[in-house]
């Protein structure tokens, strides 16, 4: 019987594709508009999963000019990253932050 992959392995495999990674981060960001602690944890987990898929934590930390341990701490449940850390992380993975007009006013 073939052993099935766990969800994290499956997700990381899918997030190797930069287009899928961007779509995933945008979807999570859309769900995190309320600013709750749970939303922040969800967004940090999404960044962590994408970082793992886009070269691994050590490689992404190096490209972002961050320490590996610092990156793990930043993306942990208790992480509270600065905007500069998130933008450096996004840039290291080849992504940009953008704003768009909301359909809700």
N, C-alpha and C. Protein backbone atom coordinates (compact mmCIF):
# COMPACT_ATOMS: atom_id res chain seq x y z
N UNK A 1 0.84 -1.18 0.00
CA UNK A 1 0.00 0.00 0.00
C UNK A 1 0.89 1.24 0.00
N UNK A 2 0.59 2.18 -0.87
CA UNK A 2 1.37 3.40 -0.99
C UNK A 2 1.10 4.31 0.21
N UNK A 3 2.18 4.79 0.80
CA UNK A 3 2.05 5.70 1.93
C UNK A 3 1.67 7.08 1.40
N UNK A 4 0.69 7.69 2.01
CA UNK A 4 0.27 9.01 1.57
C UNK A 4 1.16 10.09 2.19
N UNK A 5 1.24 11.23 1.50
CA UNK A 5 2.01 12.36 2.00
C UNK A 5 1.20 13.07 3.07
N UNK A 6 1.89 13.69 4.02
CA UNK A 6 1.15 14.52 4.95
C UNK A 6 0.86 15.86 4.26
N UNK A 7 -0.04 16.61 4.82
CA UNK A 7 -0.50 17.84 4.18
C UNK A 7 0.64 18.84 3.98
N UNK A 8 1.51 19.00 4.98
CA UNK A 8 2.61 19.96 4.85
C UNK A 8 3.52 19.61 3.68
N UNK A 9 3.85 18.33 3.53
CA UNK A 9 4.69 17.90 2.40
C UNK A 9 3.99 18.22 1.08
N UNK A 10 2.72 17.92 1.00
CA UNK A 10 1.94 18.18 -0.20
C UNK A 10 1.93 19.68 -0.51
N UNK A 11 1.67 20.50 0.51
CA UNK A 11 1.60 21.94 0.30
C UNK A 11 2.94 22.50 -0.14
N UNK A 12 4.02 22.10 0.51
CA UNK A 12 5.35 22.58 0.14
C UNK A 12 5.67 22.19 -1.30
N UNK A 13 5.30 20.98 -1.69
CA UNK A 13 5.52 20.55 -3.07
C UNK A 13 4.79 21.47 -4.05
N UNK A 14 3.55 21.81 -3.75
CA UNK A 14 2.76 22.69 -4.62
C UNK A 14 3.31 24.11 -4.64
N UNK A 15 3.84 24.56 -3.50
CA UNK A 15 4.32 25.94 -3.39
C UNK A 15 5.70 26.15 -4.01
N UNK A 16 6.29 25.11 -4.59
CA UNK A 16 7.52 25.29 -5.35
C UNK A 16 7.26 26.19 -6.55
N UNK A 17 6.07 26.12 -7.09
CA UNK A 17 5.68 26.97 -8.22
C UNK A 17 5.43 28.38 -7.70
N UNK A 18 6.24 29.37 -8.13
CA UNK A 18 6.08 30.74 -7.63
C UNK A 18 4.68 31.32 -7.83
N UNK A 19 4.03 30.98 -8.92
CA UNK A 19 2.67 31.49 -9.15
C UNK A 19 1.70 30.94 -8.12
N UNK A 20 1.84 29.68 -7.79
CA UNK A 20 0.98 29.08 -6.77
C UNK A 20 1.32 29.64 -5.39
N UNK A 21 2.60 29.90 -5.15
CA UNK A 21 3.01 30.47 -3.86
C UNK A 21 2.42 31.87 -3.67
N UNK A 22 2.46 32.68 -4.72
CA UNK A 22 1.89 34.03 -4.65
C UNK A 22 0.37 33.95 -4.45
N UNK A 23 -0.28 33.07 -5.17
CA UNK A 23 -1.73 32.91 -5.02
C UNK A 23 -2.07 32.48 -3.59
N UNK A 24 -1.28 31.58 -3.04
CA UNK A 24 -1.49 31.10 -1.66
C UNK A 24 -1.32 32.24 -0.66
N UNK A 25 -0.23 33.00 -0.78
CA UNK A 25 -0.01 34.13 0.14
C UNK A 25 -1.12 35.16 0.01
N UNK A 26 -1.57 35.45 -1.21
CA UNK A 26 -2.66 36.41 -1.40
C UNK A 26 -3.96 35.90 -0.78
N UNK A 27 -4.23 34.62 -0.92
CA UNK A 27 -5.45 34.05 -0.34
C UNK A 27 -5.40 34.14 1.19
N UNK A 28 -4.25 33.82 1.76
CA UNK A 28 -4.12 33.90 3.22
C UNK A 28 -4.23 35.35 3.67
N UNK A 29 -3.59 36.25 2.96
CA UNK A 29 -3.66 37.67 3.30
C UNK A 29 -5.10 38.16 3.24
N UNK A 30 -5.85 37.71 2.27
CA UNK A 30 -7.26 38.09 2.15
C UNK A 30 -8.04 37.62 3.39
N UNK A 31 -7.72 36.44 3.88
CA UNK A 31 -8.40 35.90 5.05
C UNK A 31 -7.94 36.54 6.36
N UNK A 32 -6.86 37.29 6.32
CA UNK A 32 -6.26 37.86 7.53
C UNK A 32 -6.55 39.35 7.70
N UNK A 33 -7.55 39.83 7.05
CA UNK A 33 -7.84 41.27 7.10
C UNK A 33 -8.31 41.75 8.47
N UNK A 34 -8.80 40.85 9.30
CA UNK A 34 -9.34 41.30 10.60
C UNK A 34 -8.25 41.68 11.59
N UNK A 35 -7.00 41.29 11.33
CA UNK A 35 -5.89 41.68 12.19
C UNK A 35 -5.83 40.95 13.52
N UNK A 36 -6.60 39.91 13.68
CA UNK A 36 -6.59 39.17 14.95
C UNK A 36 -5.26 38.42 15.12
N UNK A 37 -5.01 37.99 16.33
CA UNK A 37 -3.79 37.23 16.61
C UNK A 37 -3.78 35.93 15.79
N UNK A 38 -4.93 35.31 15.68
CA UNK A 38 -5.04 34.08 14.88
C UNK A 38 -4.69 34.36 13.42
N UNK A 39 -5.16 35.49 12.90
CA UNK A 39 -4.85 35.86 11.52
C UNK A 39 -3.36 36.07 11.33
N UNK A 40 -2.72 36.73 12.29
CA UNK A 40 -1.28 36.95 12.19
C UNK A 40 -0.54 35.63 12.18
N UNK A 41 -0.93 34.71 13.06
CA UNK A 41 -0.29 33.40 13.10
C UNK A 41 -0.47 32.65 11.78
N UNK A 42 -1.65 32.77 11.19
CA UNK A 42 -1.92 32.12 9.91
C UNK A 42 -1.03 32.69 8.81
N UNK A 43 -0.88 34.00 8.79
CA UNK A 43 -0.04 34.64 7.78
C UNK A 43 1.42 34.25 7.96
N UNK A 44 1.90 34.22 9.19
CA UNK A 44 3.29 33.83 9.44
C UNK A 44 3.53 32.37 9.05
N UNK A 45 2.56 31.52 9.32
CA UNK A 45 2.67 30.12 8.91
C UNK A 45 2.72 30.01 7.38
N UNK A 46 1.92 30.82 6.70
CA UNK A 46 1.93 30.81 5.24
C UNK A 46 3.31 31.24 4.72
N UNK A 47 3.88 32.29 5.29
CA UNK A 47 5.22 32.72 4.89
C UNK A 47 6.23 31.60 5.14
N UNK A 48 6.10 30.92 6.26
CA UNK A 48 7.02 29.82 6.59
C UNK A 48 6.91 28.70 5.57
N UNK A 49 5.69 28.32 5.22
CA UNK A 49 5.50 27.24 4.26
C UNK A 49 6.07 27.63 2.89
N UNK A 50 5.84 28.87 2.48
CA UNK A 50 6.35 29.32 1.19
C UNK A 50 7.88 29.38 1.23
N UNK A 51 8.45 29.86 2.32
CA UNK A 51 9.91 29.91 2.43
C UNK A 51 10.51 28.50 2.34
N UNK A 52 9.87 27.54 2.98
CA UNK A 52 10.36 26.17 2.91
C UNK A 52 10.29 25.65 1.47
N UNK A 53 9.27 26.04 0.76
CA UNK A 53 9.10 25.59 -0.62
C UNK A 53 10.01 26.32 -1.60
N UNK A 54 10.39 27.53 -1.26
CA UNK A 54 11.18 28.36 -2.18
C UNK A 54 12.68 28.32 -1.86
N UNK A 55 13.16 27.19 -1.44
CA UNK A 55 14.59 27.02 -1.23
C UNK A 55 14.97 26.61 0.17
N UNK A 56 14.02 26.60 1.08
CA UNK A 56 14.29 26.22 2.45
C UNK A 56 14.59 27.43 3.31
N UNK A 57 14.41 27.27 4.61
CA UNK A 57 14.56 28.39 5.54
C UNK A 57 15.98 28.95 5.53
N UNK A 58 16.99 28.09 5.50
CA UNK A 58 18.37 28.58 5.53
C UNK A 58 18.68 29.40 4.28
N UNK A 59 18.31 28.89 3.13
CA UNK A 59 18.58 29.59 1.88
C UNK A 59 17.83 30.91 1.78
N UNK A 60 16.56 30.91 2.14
CA UNK A 60 15.76 32.13 2.08
C UNK A 60 16.29 33.15 3.10
N UNK A 61 16.67 32.69 4.28
CA UNK A 61 17.24 33.60 5.29
C UNK A 61 18.50 34.25 4.75
N UNK A 62 19.34 33.47 4.09
CA UNK A 62 20.57 34.02 3.53
C UNK A 62 20.26 35.07 2.47
N UNK A 63 19.33 34.76 1.57
CA UNK A 63 18.96 35.72 0.51
C UNK A 63 18.32 36.97 1.08
N UNK A 64 17.64 36.85 2.21
CA UNK A 64 16.97 38.00 2.84
C UNK A 64 17.90 38.74 3.79
N UNK A 65 19.14 38.25 3.92
CA UNK A 65 20.12 38.83 4.83
C UNK A 65 19.61 38.79 6.28
N UNK A 66 19.03 37.65 6.63
CA UNK A 66 18.53 37.41 7.98
C UNK A 66 19.21 36.16 8.53
N UNK A 67 19.33 36.08 9.82
CA UNK A 67 19.83 34.85 10.42
C UNK A 67 18.76 33.77 10.35
N UNK A 68 19.18 32.53 10.13
CA UNK A 68 18.23 31.42 10.03
C UNK A 68 17.40 31.30 11.30
N UNK A 69 18.05 31.36 12.45
CA UNK A 69 17.34 31.24 13.72
C UNK A 69 16.38 32.41 13.91
N UNK A 70 16.81 33.59 13.48
CA UNK A 70 15.96 34.77 13.56
C UNK A 70 14.72 34.60 12.69
N UNK A 71 14.91 34.02 11.51
CA UNK A 71 13.77 33.80 10.62
C UNK A 71 12.79 32.80 11.22
N UNK A 72 13.31 31.71 11.79
CA UNK A 72 12.43 30.75 12.45
C UNK A 72 11.63 31.42 13.57
N UNK A 73 12.31 32.23 14.37
CA UNK A 73 11.64 32.94 15.47
C UNK A 73 10.60 33.91 14.94
N UNK A 74 10.96 34.64 13.89
CA UNK A 74 10.05 35.62 13.29
C UNK A 74 8.77 34.96 12.78
N UNK A 75 8.91 33.78 12.19
CA UNK A 75 7.75 33.11 11.60
C UNK A 75 7.09 32.11 12.53
N UNK A 76 7.46 32.14 13.80
CA UNK A 76 6.84 31.25 14.77
C UNK A 76 5.48 31.80 15.20
N UNK A 77 4.74 31.01 15.97
CA UNK A 77 3.43 31.44 16.46
C UNK A 77 3.50 32.74 17.25
N UNK A 78 4.60 32.94 17.93
CA UNK A 78 4.76 34.15 18.74
C UNK A 78 5.51 35.25 18.01
N UNK A 79 5.82 35.01 16.74
CA UNK A 79 6.57 35.99 15.97
C UNK A 79 5.81 37.30 15.82
N UNK A 80 6.56 38.37 15.78
CA UNK A 80 5.98 39.70 15.59
C UNK A 80 6.92 40.48 14.68
N UNK A 81 6.95 40.10 13.40
CA UNK A 81 7.95 40.67 12.50
C UNK A 81 7.71 42.14 12.17
N UNK A 82 8.81 42.82 11.91
CA UNK A 82 8.73 44.18 11.40
C UNK A 82 8.33 44.09 9.93
N UNK A 83 7.76 45.16 9.43
CA UNK A 83 7.43 45.21 8.02
C UNK A 83 8.68 45.02 7.17
N UNK A 84 9.81 45.58 7.61
CA UNK A 84 11.05 45.45 6.85
C UNK A 84 11.48 43.98 6.74
N UNK A 85 11.21 43.19 7.77
CA UNK A 85 11.53 41.76 7.73
C UNK A 85 10.65 41.04 6.71
N UNK A 86 9.37 41.33 6.73
CA UNK A 86 8.46 40.69 5.77
C UNK A 86 8.77 41.10 4.33
N UNK A 87 9.11 42.37 4.13
CA UNK A 87 9.43 42.79 2.76
C UNK A 87 10.75 42.17 2.30
N UNK A 88 11.73 42.06 3.20
CA UNK A 88 12.99 41.40 2.85
C UNK A 88 12.75 39.93 2.52
N UNK A 89 11.90 39.29 3.29
CA UNK A 89 11.56 37.89 3.05
C UNK A 89 10.86 37.73 1.71
N UNK A 90 9.89 38.58 1.45
CA UNK A 90 9.18 38.52 0.17
C UNK A 90 10.14 38.73 -0.99
N UNK A 91 11.00 39.72 -0.88
CA UNK A 91 11.96 40.01 -1.94
C UNK A 91 12.90 38.83 -2.17
N UNK A 92 13.35 38.19 -1.09
CA UNK A 92 14.25 37.04 -1.19
C UNK A 92 13.59 35.88 -1.92
N UNK A 93 12.27 35.82 -1.86
CA UNK A 93 11.55 34.74 -2.55
C UNK A 93 11.07 35.18 -3.93
N UNK A 94 11.40 36.42 -4.31
CA UNK A 94 11.04 36.91 -5.64
C UNK A 94 9.65 37.51 -5.73
N UNK A 95 9.09 37.94 -4.60
CA UNK A 95 7.73 38.48 -4.56
C UNK A 95 7.75 39.96 -4.17
N UNK A 96 6.67 40.66 -4.48
CA UNK A 96 6.48 42.05 -4.10
C UNK A 96 5.21 42.18 -3.27
N UNK A 97 5.18 43.21 -2.42
CA UNK A 97 3.94 43.58 -1.75
C UNK A 97 3.25 44.61 -2.62
N UNK A 98 1.95 44.52 -2.74
CA UNK A 98 1.18 45.50 -3.51
C UNK A 98 -0.14 45.74 -2.81
N UNK A 99 -0.66 46.92 -3.04
CA UNK A 99 -1.99 47.26 -2.54
C UNK A 99 -2.93 47.34 -3.73
N UNK A 100 -4.19 47.07 -3.49
CA UNK A 100 -5.21 47.22 -4.52
C UNK A 100 -6.45 47.82 -3.87
N UNK A 101 -7.31 48.35 -4.68
CA UNK A 101 -8.56 48.90 -4.17
C UNK A 101 -9.46 47.77 -3.73
N UNK A 102 -10.08 47.97 -2.62
CA UNK A 102 -11.02 46.99 -2.10
C UNK A 102 -12.37 47.20 -2.76
N UNK A 103 -13.07 46.11 -2.98
CA UNK A 103 -14.41 46.22 -3.53
C UNK A 103 -15.40 46.64 -2.44
N UNK A 104 -14.95 46.58 -1.19
CA UNK A 104 -15.81 46.97 -0.06
C UNK A 104 -15.38 48.35 0.40
N UNK A 105 -16.33 49.17 0.75
CA UNK A 105 -16.02 50.51 1.25
C UNK A 105 -16.58 50.70 2.62
